[in-house]
Protein backbone atom coordinates (compact mmCIF):
# COMPACT_ATOMS: atom_id res chain seq x y z
CA UNK A 1 82.28 150.46 144.82
CA UNK A 2 78.71 151.00 144.40
CA UNK A 3 76.93 148.30 142.38
CA UNK A 4 74.76 149.79 139.77
CA UNK A 5 71.82 149.01 137.52
CA UNK A 6 74.58 149.16 134.79
CA UNK A 7 76.65 146.74 136.75
CA UNK A 8 73.75 144.42 136.92
CA UNK A 9 72.69 144.26 133.52
CA UNK A 10 75.19 145.52 130.76
CA UNK A 11 78.15 143.26 131.38
CA UNK A 12 75.90 139.93 131.69
CA UNK A 13 74.10 140.89 128.62
CA UNK A 14 77.29 141.45 126.55
CA UNK A 15 78.76 138.07 127.79
CA UNK A 16 75.86 136.07 126.75
CA UNK A 17 75.25 137.78 123.57
CA UNK A 18 78.82 137.16 122.60
CA UNK A 19 78.50 133.71 123.50
CA UNK A 20 75.54 132.99 121.51
CA UNK A 21 77.28 134.67 118.65
CA UNK A 22 80.12 132.27 118.85
CA UNK A 23 77.66 129.34 119.26
CA UNK A 24 76.15 130.65 115.73
CA UNK A 25 79.63 129.94 114.31
CA UNK A 26 79.52 126.16 115.74
CA UNK A 27 75.94 125.94 114.55
CA UNK A 28 76.98 127.31 110.79
CA UNK A 29 79.87 124.76 110.88
CA UNK A 30 77.72 122.28 111.92
CA UNK A 31 75.36 122.35 109.07
CA UNK A 32 78.27 122.69 106.78
CA UNK A 33 79.91 119.33 108.10
CA UNK A 34 76.63 117.50 108.11
CA UNK A 35 75.27 118.58 104.84
CA UNK A 36 72.04 120.11 106.10
CA UNK A 37 70.40 123.24 105.29
CA UNK A 38 71.00 126.20 107.48
CA UNK A 39 67.19 126.47 107.98
CA UNK A 40 66.74 123.12 109.69
CA UNK A 41 68.60 124.64 112.66
CA UNK A 42 67.26 128.31 112.20
CA UNK A 43 63.72 126.85 112.16
CA UNK A 44 64.35 124.04 115.01
CA UNK A 45 62.31 124.23 118.10
CA UNK A 46 62.19 122.06 121.31
CA UNK A 47 58.58 121.60 121.12
CA UNK A 48 55.76 122.31 118.66
CA UNK A 49 54.37 124.95 120.70
CA UNK A 50 57.45 127.00 120.90
CA UNK A 51 59.10 129.42 118.63
CA UNK A 52 62.15 128.31 116.58
CA UNK A 53 66.00 128.91 117.29
CA UNK A 54 65.88 132.10 115.06
CA UNK A 55 63.16 133.67 117.15
CA UNK A 56 65.01 132.73 120.21
CA UNK A 57 68.15 134.70 119.28
CA UNK A 58 66.32 137.68 117.99
CA UNK A 59 64.69 137.74 121.62
CA UNK A 60 68.06 137.92 123.21
CA UNK A 61 68.62 141.20 121.56
CA UNK A 62 64.98 142.31 122.05
CA UNK A 63 65.29 141.76 125.79
CA UNK A 64 68.70 143.39 126.13
CA UNK A 65 68.91 146.38 123.79
CA UNK A 66 65.06 146.43 123.19
CA UNK A 67 64.30 146.48 126.99
CA UNK A 68 66.74 149.43 127.55
CA UNK A 69 65.03 151.33 124.93
CA UNK A 70 61.61 150.32 126.33
CA UNK A 71 62.83 151.73 129.75
CA UNK A 72 64.15 154.99 127.97
CA UNK A 73 60.87 155.56 126.10
CA UNK A 74 58.59 154.23 128.97
CA UNK A 75 56.79 151.49 127.08
CA UNK A 76 58.22 147.95 126.34
CA UNK A 77 55.98 145.53 123.70
CA UNK A 78 57.15 142.38 122.33
CA UNK A 79 59.01 142.47 118.99
CA UNK A 80 56.80 140.95 116.61
CA UNK A 81 58.95 141.43 113.53
CA UNK A 82 60.24 138.55 111.82
CA UNK A 83 63.28 136.99 112.70
CA UNK A 84 66.49 136.53 110.12
CA UNK A 85 66.31 133.38 108.34
CA UNK A 86 70.13 132.94 107.78
CA UNK A 87 73.17 132.89 109.98
CA UNK A 88 74.49 136.29 108.52
CA UNK A 89 71.16 138.00 109.76
CA UNK A 90 71.24 136.36 113.21
CA UNK A 91 74.77 137.37 113.58
CA UNK A 92 73.86 140.92 112.51
CA UNK A 93 71.13 140.97 115.29
CA UNK A 94 73.69 139.85 117.93
CA UNK A 95 76.33 142.19 116.78
CA UNK A 96 74.23 145.18 116.48
CA UNK A 97 72.97 144.54 120.03
CA UNK A 98 76.56 144.14 121.39
CA UNK A 99 77.62 147.38 119.67
CA UNK A 100 74.72 149.32 121.15
CA UNK A 101 75.35 147.86 124.42
CA UNK A 102 79.15 148.69 124.29
CA UNK A 103 78.34 152.25 123.63
CA UNK A 104 76.08 152.79 126.80
CA UNK A 105 77.19 155.41 129.17
CA UNK A 106 77.38 153.93 132.67
CA UNK A 107 76.16 157.08 134.55
CA UNK A 108 73.41 157.91 131.82
CA UNK A 109 72.02 154.29 132.00
CA UNK A 110 71.94 154.34 135.74
CA UNK A 111 69.66 157.34 135.82
CA UNK A 112 67.00 155.09 134.19
CA UNK A 113 66.46 153.14 137.19
CA UNK A 114 63.40 155.04 138.28
CA UNK A 115 61.80 155.73 135.02
CA UNK A 116 58.15 154.85 134.63
CA UNK A 117 57.99 151.76 132.46
CA UNK A 118 55.11 149.74 131.18
CA UNK A 119 54.96 146.35 129.77
CA UNK A 120 52.06 146.30 127.13
CA UNK A 121 50.83 143.40 124.99
CA UNK A 122 47.48 144.42 123.67
CA UNK A 123 45.45 145.54 126.41
CA UNK A 124 47.45 143.64 129.03
CA UNK A 125 49.59 146.21 130.98
CA UNK A 126 52.32 145.89 133.56
CA UNK A 127 53.76 148.89 135.51
CA UNK A 128 57.35 149.06 136.33
CA UNK A 129 60.14 151.18 137.43
CA UNK A 130 63.07 150.62 134.89
CA UNK A 131 65.10 148.89 137.30
CA UNK A 132 62.37 146.45 138.21
CA UNK A 133 61.38 146.06 134.53
CA UNK A 134 65.02 145.37 133.63
CA UNK A 135 65.84 143.02 136.57
CA UNK A 136 62.51 141.11 137.02
CA UNK A 137 61.27 140.99 133.60
CA UNK A 138 63.47 141.64 130.57
CA UNK A 139 66.53 139.92 132.32
CA UNK A 140 64.98 136.70 133.15
CA UNK A 141 63.33 136.75 129.50
CA UNK A 142 66.91 137.29 128.26
CA UNK A 143 68.34 134.38 129.96
CA UNK A 144 65.23 132.36 129.08
CA UNK A 145 65.51 132.86 125.33
CA UNK A 146 69.46 132.58 125.27
CA UNK A 147 69.22 128.88 127.11
CA UNK A 148 66.32 128.04 124.89
CA UNK A 149 68.45 128.93 121.81
CA UNK A 150 71.41 126.92 123.35
CA UNK A 151 68.91 123.94 124.15
CA UNK A 152 67.83 123.89 120.59
CA UNK A 153 71.08 123.55 119.17
CA UNK A 154 72.11 120.76 121.45
CA UNK A 155 68.81 119.12 120.75
CA UNK A 156 69.91 119.11 117.19
CA UNK A 157 73.29 117.72 117.77
CA UNK A 158 75.42 120.69 117.73
CA UNK A 159 78.59 119.85 119.95
CA UNK A 160 78.14 122.59 122.69
CA UNK A 161 78.97 122.51 126.44
CA UNK A 162 78.36 124.67 129.25
CA UNK A 163 81.23 126.71 128.59
CA UNK A 164 79.88 127.79 125.16
CA UNK A 165 76.81 128.99 126.82
CA UNK A 166 78.73 131.09 129.60
CA UNK A 167 81.09 132.48 127.15
CA UNK A 168 84.17 134.53 128.75
CA UNK A 169 83.65 135.13 132.56
CA UNK A 170 84.75 138.50 133.74
CA UNK A 171 87.56 137.46 136.19
CA UNK A 172 89.52 139.60 138.48
CA UNK A 173 92.55 141.08 136.91
């Protein structure tokens, strides 16, 4: 079996997006059990100079589906749109990303590997191939934001463990 760009990105993105979606369920239940406003978790940060939980969740979609769209069109810029401010909106962002990733055709996706792709932020530009952008820039950012979302929930007292972060591994049938 040849290992492809699809294999290196899409299944793991799906695994972690589904895990984060399940963590949202636990976070929502936690707010109800503790009698706290959902905004208290959605706006929570690990440090004052970091962006909040809601942004971290949105960024997981931005660095999975958004990264792929950037490779398709040749340019990726940070998604500066507002993030959802409620659990339903955060679920919708994740579930839309999951549906989009599930619909990607493996062969078509693998043809993106050599696409010229630029990361642009204002006047700052970084040139990549599609594969190098996804594997060395977008994927590490995806995991950073997923890990940060998990850590924020843990720091706020939501009962989560490593298995919650990992989701369902893809085991041999």
